[in-house]
Amino acid sequence: MTDYAGLSARLEALCAGEADEVALMATVACEVHQFDDRFHWTGFYRVVEENLLKIGPYQGGHGCLVIPFSRGVCGACARTRAVQLVPDVEAFEGHIACASSTRSELVLPVQNANGVLLGVFDLDSDLPAAFTQEDAEQLTLILNRVFAKVSRA
């Protein structure tokens, strides 16, 4: 059983009083990456202009530097603001292979309390079907709590 309550409590303590989105992203990426051996690349892609994501704080090997909303799993998440739970990245039309070892992916939209899309949180695994609906639900709750403090309009 994955201890999401413990992860949430740690992040709440670490992020208490912080409202800088990059500092929060760095802290979340670090904690989540170390949280579970299934998570081989863990990081953020930030909205930097209309319909464009750029890499933000992450843990793991190199990621793609720029992703348009029109491409890949991260782009689909940003475009639709819907969680993308992909058990087999090869079966996802338009998947961008930032790392050839990635087999499955979970991407979650990240928004502030005002509903502004700040970016997406991307988790990659070298294992097929590594992510579950529980992962998606629990990480969404954590992201919503952490980024509710960011006030960018």
C-alpha atoms as a PDB file:
ATOM      1  CA  MET A   1       0.000   0.000   0.000  1.00  0.00           C
ATOM      2  CA  THR A   2       1.367   3.383  -1.005  1.00  0.00           C
ATOM      3  CA  ASP A   3       1.585   5.907   1.847  1.00  0.00           C
ATOM      4  CA  TYR A   4       0.025   8.944   0.208  1.00  0.00           C
ATOM      5  CA  ALA A   5      -1.040  10.318   3.604  1.00  0.00           C
ATOM      6  CA  GLY A   6       2.621  10.407   4.656  1.00  0.00           C
ATOM      7  CA  LEU A   7       3.694  12.022   1.377  1.00  0.00           C
ATOM      8  CA  SER A   8       0.963  14.631   1.705  1.00  0.00           C
ATOM      9  CA  ALA A   9       1.954  15.432   5.293  1.00  0.00           C
ATOM     10  CA  ARG A  10       5.646  15.789   4.338  1.00  0.00           C
ATOM     11  CA  LEU A  11       4.833  18.093   1.444  1.00  0.00           C
ATOM     12  CA  GLU A  12       2.479  20.151   3.576  1.00  0.00           C
ATOM     13  CA  ALA A  13       5.240  20.652   6.151  1.00  0.00           C
ATOM     14  CA  LEU A  14       7.931  21.392   3.546  1.00  0.00           C
ATOM     15  CA  CYS A  15       5.755  23.821   1.569  1.00  0.00           C
ATOM     16  CA  ALA A  16       4.155  25.630   4.503  1.00  0.00           C
ATOM     17  CA  GLY A  17       4.041  29.363   3.853  1.00  0.00           C
ATOM     18  CA  GLU A  18       5.612  29.129   0.380  1.00  0.00           C
ATOM     19  CA  ALA A  19       3.788  30.664  -2.594  1.00  0.00           C
ATOM     20  CA  ASP A  20       6.550  30.684  -5.236  1.00  0.00           C
ATOM     21  CA  GLU A  21       5.457  28.183  -7.881  1.00  0.00           C
ATOM     22  CA  VAL A  22       8.988  27.170  -8.962  1.00  0.00           C
ATOM     23  CA  ALA A  23      10.065  26.515  -5.368  1.00  0.00           C
ATOM     24  CA  LEU A  24       6.925  24.435  -4.845  1.00  0.00           C
ATOM     25  CA  MET A  25       7.509  22.524  -8.098  1.00  0.00           C
ATOM     26  CA  ALA A  26      11.101  21.728  -7.120  1.00  0.00           C
ATOM     27  CA  THR A  27      10.040  20.445  -3.710  1.00  0.00           C
ATOM     28  CA  VAL A  28       7.159  18.347  -5.069  1.00  0.00           C
ATOM     29  CA  ALA A  29       9.310  16.843  -7.854  1.00  0.00           C
ATOM     30  CA  CYS A  30      12.009  15.850  -5.362  1.00  0.00           C
ATOM     31  CA  GLU A  31       9.670  14.330  -2.775  1.00  0.00           C
ATOM     32  CA  VAL A  32       7.491  12.465  -5.271  1.00  0.00           C
ATOM     33  CA  HIS A  33      10.493  11.118  -7.191  1.00  0.00           C
ATOM     34  CA  GLN A  34      11.911   9.571  -4.026  1.00  0.00           C
ATOM     35  CA  PHE A  35       8.489   8.350  -2.906  1.00  0.00           C
ATOM     36  CA  ASP A  36       8.170   5.282  -5.130  1.00  0.00           C
ATOM     37  CA  ASP A  37      10.578   3.123  -7.151  1.00  0.00           C
ATOM     38  CA  ARG A  38       8.111   3.077 -10.056  1.00  0.00           C
ATOM     39  CA  PHE A  39       8.767   6.778 -10.694  1.00  0.00           C
ATOM     40  CA  HIS A  40      11.809   7.027 -12.994  1.00  0.00           C
ATOM     41  CA  TRP A  41      11.302  10.625 -14.196  1.00  0.00           C
ATOM     42  CA  THR A  42       9.285  13.082 -12.175  1.00  0.00           C
ATOM     43  CA  GLY A  43       8.856  16.721 -13.068  1.00  0.00           C
ATOM     44  CA  PHE A  44       6.966  19.723 -14.238  1.00  0.00           C
ATOM     45  CA  TYR A  45       6.391  21.369 -17.566  1.00  0.00           C
ATOM     46  CA  ARG A  46       5.417  25.012 -17.029  1.00  0.00           C
ATOM     47  CA  VAL A  47       3.051  27.091 -19.151  1.00  0.00           C
ATOM     48  CA  VAL A  48       5.333  29.860 -20.446  1.00  0.00           C
ATOM     49  CA  GLU A  49       3.177  31.269 -23.233  1.00  0.00           C
ATOM     50  CA  GLU A  50      -0.087  30.415 -24.916  1.00  0.00           C
ATOM     51  CA  ASN A  51      -0.135  26.732 -25.890  1.00  0.00           C
ATOM     52  CA  LEU A  52       3.501  26.119 -24.941  1.00  0.00           C
ATOM     53  CA  LEU A  53       5.130  24.187 -22.102  1.00  0.00           C
ATOM     54  CA  LYS A  54       8.782  24.397 -21.069  1.00  0.00           C
ATOM     55  CA  ILE A  55      10.605  22.108 -18.720  1.00  0.00           C
ATOM     56  CA  GLY A  56      10.551  23.057 -15.075  1.00  0.00           C
ATOM     57  CA  PRO A  57      11.990  21.448 -11.955  1.00  0.00           C
ATOM     58  CA  TYR A  58      12.452  17.697 -12.329  1.00  0.00           C
ATOM     59  CA  GLN A  59      14.253  14.598 -11.078  1.00  0.00           C
ATOM     60  CA  GLY A  60      15.688  11.927 -13.369  1.00  0.00           C
ATOM     61  CA  GLY A  61      17.398  12.002 -16.757  1.00  0.00           C
ATOM     62  CA  HIS A  62      17.001  14.773 -19.288  1.00  0.00           C
ATOM     63  CA  GLY A  63      13.493  15.735 -20.339  1.00  0.00           C
ATOM     64  CA  CYS A  64      12.189  17.465 -23.420  1.00  0.00           C
ATOM     65  CA  LEU A  65      12.842  21.200 -23.222  1.00  0.00           C
ATOM     66  CA  VAL A  66       9.733  22.451 -25.038  1.00  0.00           C
ATOM     67  CA  ILE A  67       6.356  20.774 -25.618  1.00  0.00           C
ATOM     68  CA  PRO A  68       3.512  22.439 -27.523  1.00  0.00           C
ATOM     69  CA  PHE A  69      -0.005  21.782 -26.236  1.00  0.00           C
ATOM     70  CA  SER A  70      -0.650  20.014 -29.563  1.00  0.00           C
ATOM     71  CA  ARG A  71       1.898  17.212 -28.974  1.00  0.00           C
ATOM     72  CA  GLY A  72       2.419  14.286 -26.666  1.00  0.00           C
ATOM     73  CA  VAL A  73       0.908  13.179 -23.388  1.00  0.00           C
ATOM     74  CA  CYS A  74       1.929  16.400 -21.595  1.00  0.00           C
ATOM     75  CA  GLY A  75       0.436  18.515 -24.372  1.00  0.00           C
ATOM     76  CA  ALA A  76      -2.818  16.538 -24.204  1.00  0.00           C
ATOM     77  CA  CYS A  77      -2.992  17.099 -20.444  1.00  0.00           C
ATOM     78  CA  ALA A  78      -2.373  20.841 -20.809  1.00  0.00           C
ATOM     79  CA  ARG A  79      -4.825  21.162 -23.695  1.00  0.00           C
ATOM     80  CA  THR A  80      -7.673  19.255 -22.020  1.00  0.00           C
ATOM     81  CA  ARG A  81      -6.776  19.877 -18.365  1.00  0.00           C
ATOM     82  CA  ALA A  82      -7.552  16.210 -17.831  1.00  0.00           C
ATOM     83  CA  VAL A  83      -5.360  13.573 -16.185  1.00  0.00           C
ATOM     84  CA  GLN A  84      -3.578  11.388 -18.715  1.00  0.00           C
ATOM     85  CA  LEU A  85      -3.055   7.845 -17.405  1.00  0.00           C
ATOM     86  CA  VAL A  86      -1.137   6.002 -20.131  1.00  0.00           C
ATOM     87  CA  PRO A  87      -0.263   2.333 -19.448  1.00  0.00           C
ATOM     88  CA  ASP A  88       1.620   1.967 -22.770  1.00  0.00           C
ATOM     89  CA  VAL A  89       3.196   5.080 -24.263  1.00  0.00           C
ATOM     90  CA  GLU A  90       3.744   3.302 -27.592  1.00  0.00           C
ATOM     91  CA  ALA A  91      -0.050   3.065 -27.962  1.00  0.00           C
ATOM     92  CA  PHE A  92      -0.542   6.812 -27.360  1.00  0.00           C
ATOM     93  CA  GLU A  93      -0.801   8.543 -30.718  1.00  0.00           C
ATOM     94  CA  GLY A  94       1.674  11.396 -30.904  1.00  0.00           C
ATOM     95  CA  HIS A  95       3.709  10.327 -27.865  1.00  0.00           C
ATOM     96  CA  ILE A  96       6.993  12.238 -27.602  1.00  0.00           C
ATOM     97  CA  ALA A  97       9.841   9.949 -26.576  1.00  0.00           C
ATOM     98  CA  CYS A  98      11.989  12.200 -24.389  1.00  0.00           C
ATOM     99  CA  ALA A  99      13.545   8.981 -23.004  1.00  0.00           C
ATOM    100  CA  SER A 100      13.510   5.762 -25.011  1.00  0.00           C
ATOM    101  CA  SER A 101      13.211   3.687 -21.809  1.00  0.00           C
ATOM    102  CA  THR A 102       9.790   5.129 -20.823  1.00  0.00           C
ATOM    103  CA  ARG A 103       6.981   2.572 -21.000  1.00  0.00           C
ATOM    104  CA  SER A 104       4.126   4.253 -19.099  1.00  0.00           C
ATOM    105  CA  GLU A 105       3.207   7.760 -18.049  1.00  0.00           C
ATOM    106  CA  LEU A 106       0.941   9.707 -15.723  1.00  0.00           C
ATOM    107  CA  VAL A 107       0.450  13.429 -16.359  1.00  0.00           C
ATOM    108  CA  LEU A 108      -1.676  15.687 -14.155  1.00  0.00           C
ATOM    109  CA  PRO A 109      -2.766  19.287 -14.726  1.00  0.00           C
ATOM    110  CA  VAL A 110      -1.458  21.792 -12.177  1.00  0.00           C
ATOM    111  CA  GLN A 111      -3.529  24.872 -11.502  1.00  0.00           C
ATOM    112  CA  ASN A 112      -3.746  27.454  -8.772  1.00  0.00           C
ATOM    113  CA  ALA A 113      -6.776  28.295  -6.645  1.00  0.00           C
ATOM    114  CA  ASN A 114      -7.974  30.708  -9.354  1.00  0.00           C
ATOM    115  CA  GLY A 115      -8.060  27.909 -11.937  1.00  0.00           C
ATOM    116  CA  VAL A 116      -5.027  29.245 -13.834  1.00  0.00           C
ATOM    117  CA  LEU A 117      -3.111  26.409 -15.504  1.00  0.00           C
ATOM    118  CA  LEU A 118       0.462  26.648 -14.217  1.00  0.00           C
ATOM    119  CA  GLY A 119       1.678  23.553 -16.022  1.00  0.00           C
ATOM    120  CA  VAL A 120       1.571  19.782 -15.854  1.00  0.00           C
ATOM    121  CA  PHE A 121       3.170  17.258 -13.520  1.00  0.00           C
ATOM    122  CA  ASP A 122       4.691  14.381 -15.479  1.00  0.00           C
ATOM    123  CA  LEU A 123       5.637  10.997 -14.058  1.00  0.00           C
ATOM    124  CA  ASP A 124       7.356   8.469 -16.313  1.00  0.00           C
ATOM    125  CA  SER A 125       8.161   4.844 -15.609  1.00  0.00           C
ATOM    126  CA  ASP A 126      10.359   2.310 -17.364  1.00  0.00           C
ATOM    127  CA  LEU A 127       7.737  -0.268 -16.341  1.00  0.00           C
ATOM    128  CA  PRO A 128       4.592  -0.899 -18.392  1.00  0.00           C
ATOM    129  CA  ALA A 129       1.280   0.002 -16.723  1.00  0.00           C
ATOM    130  CA  ALA A 130       3.132   1.352 -13.681  1.00  0.00           C
ATOM    131  CA  PHE A 131       0.502   3.902 -12.630  1.00  0.00           C
ATOM    132  CA  THR A 132      -2.938   3.398 -11.123  1.00  0.00           C
ATOM    133  CA  GLN A 133      -6.110   5.392 -10.752  1.00  0.00           C
ATOM    134  CA  GLU A 134      -5.245   5.712  -7.053  1.00  0.00           C
ATOM    135  CA  ASP A 135      -1.928   7.365  -8.014  1.00  0.00           C
ATOM    136  CA  ALA A 136      -3.813   9.822 -10.216  1.00  0.00           C
ATOM    137  CA  GLU A 137      -6.408  10.640  -7.554  1.00  0.00           C
ATOM    138  CA  GLN A 138      -3.986  10.982  -4.642  1.00  0.00           C
ATOM    139  CA  LEU A 139      -1.429  13.049  -6.559  1.00  0.00           C
ATOM    140  CA  THR A 140      -4.212  15.319  -7.843  1.00  0.00           C
ATOM    141  CA  LEU A 141      -5.313  15.996  -4.258  1.00  0.00           C
ATOM    142  CA  ILE A 142      -1.720  16.743  -3.224  1.00  0.00           C
ATOM    143  CA  LEU A 143      -1.118  19.076  -6.185  1.00  0.00           C
ATOM    144  CA  ASN A 144      -4.374  20.930  -5.523  1.00  0.00           C
ATOM    145  CA  ARG A 145      -3.389  21.535  -1.895  1.00  0.00           C
ATOM    146  CA  VAL A 146       0.192  22.592  -2.637  1.00  0.00           C
ATOM    147  CA  PHE A 147      -0.564  24.931  -5.564  1.00  0.00           C
ATOM    148  CA  ALA A 148      -3.655  26.558  -4.017  1.00  0.00           C
ATOM    149  CA  LYS A 149      -1.170  28.975  -2.407  1.00  0.00           C
ATOM    150  CA  VAL A 150       0.036  30.322  -5.767  1.00  0.00           C
ATOM    151  CA  SER A 151      -1.816  33.507  -6.711  1.00  0.00           C
ATOM    152  CA  ARG A 152      -0.607  34.130 -10.282  1.00  0.00           C
ATOM    153  CA  ALA A 153      -3.540  35.319 -12.374  1.00  0.00           C
END
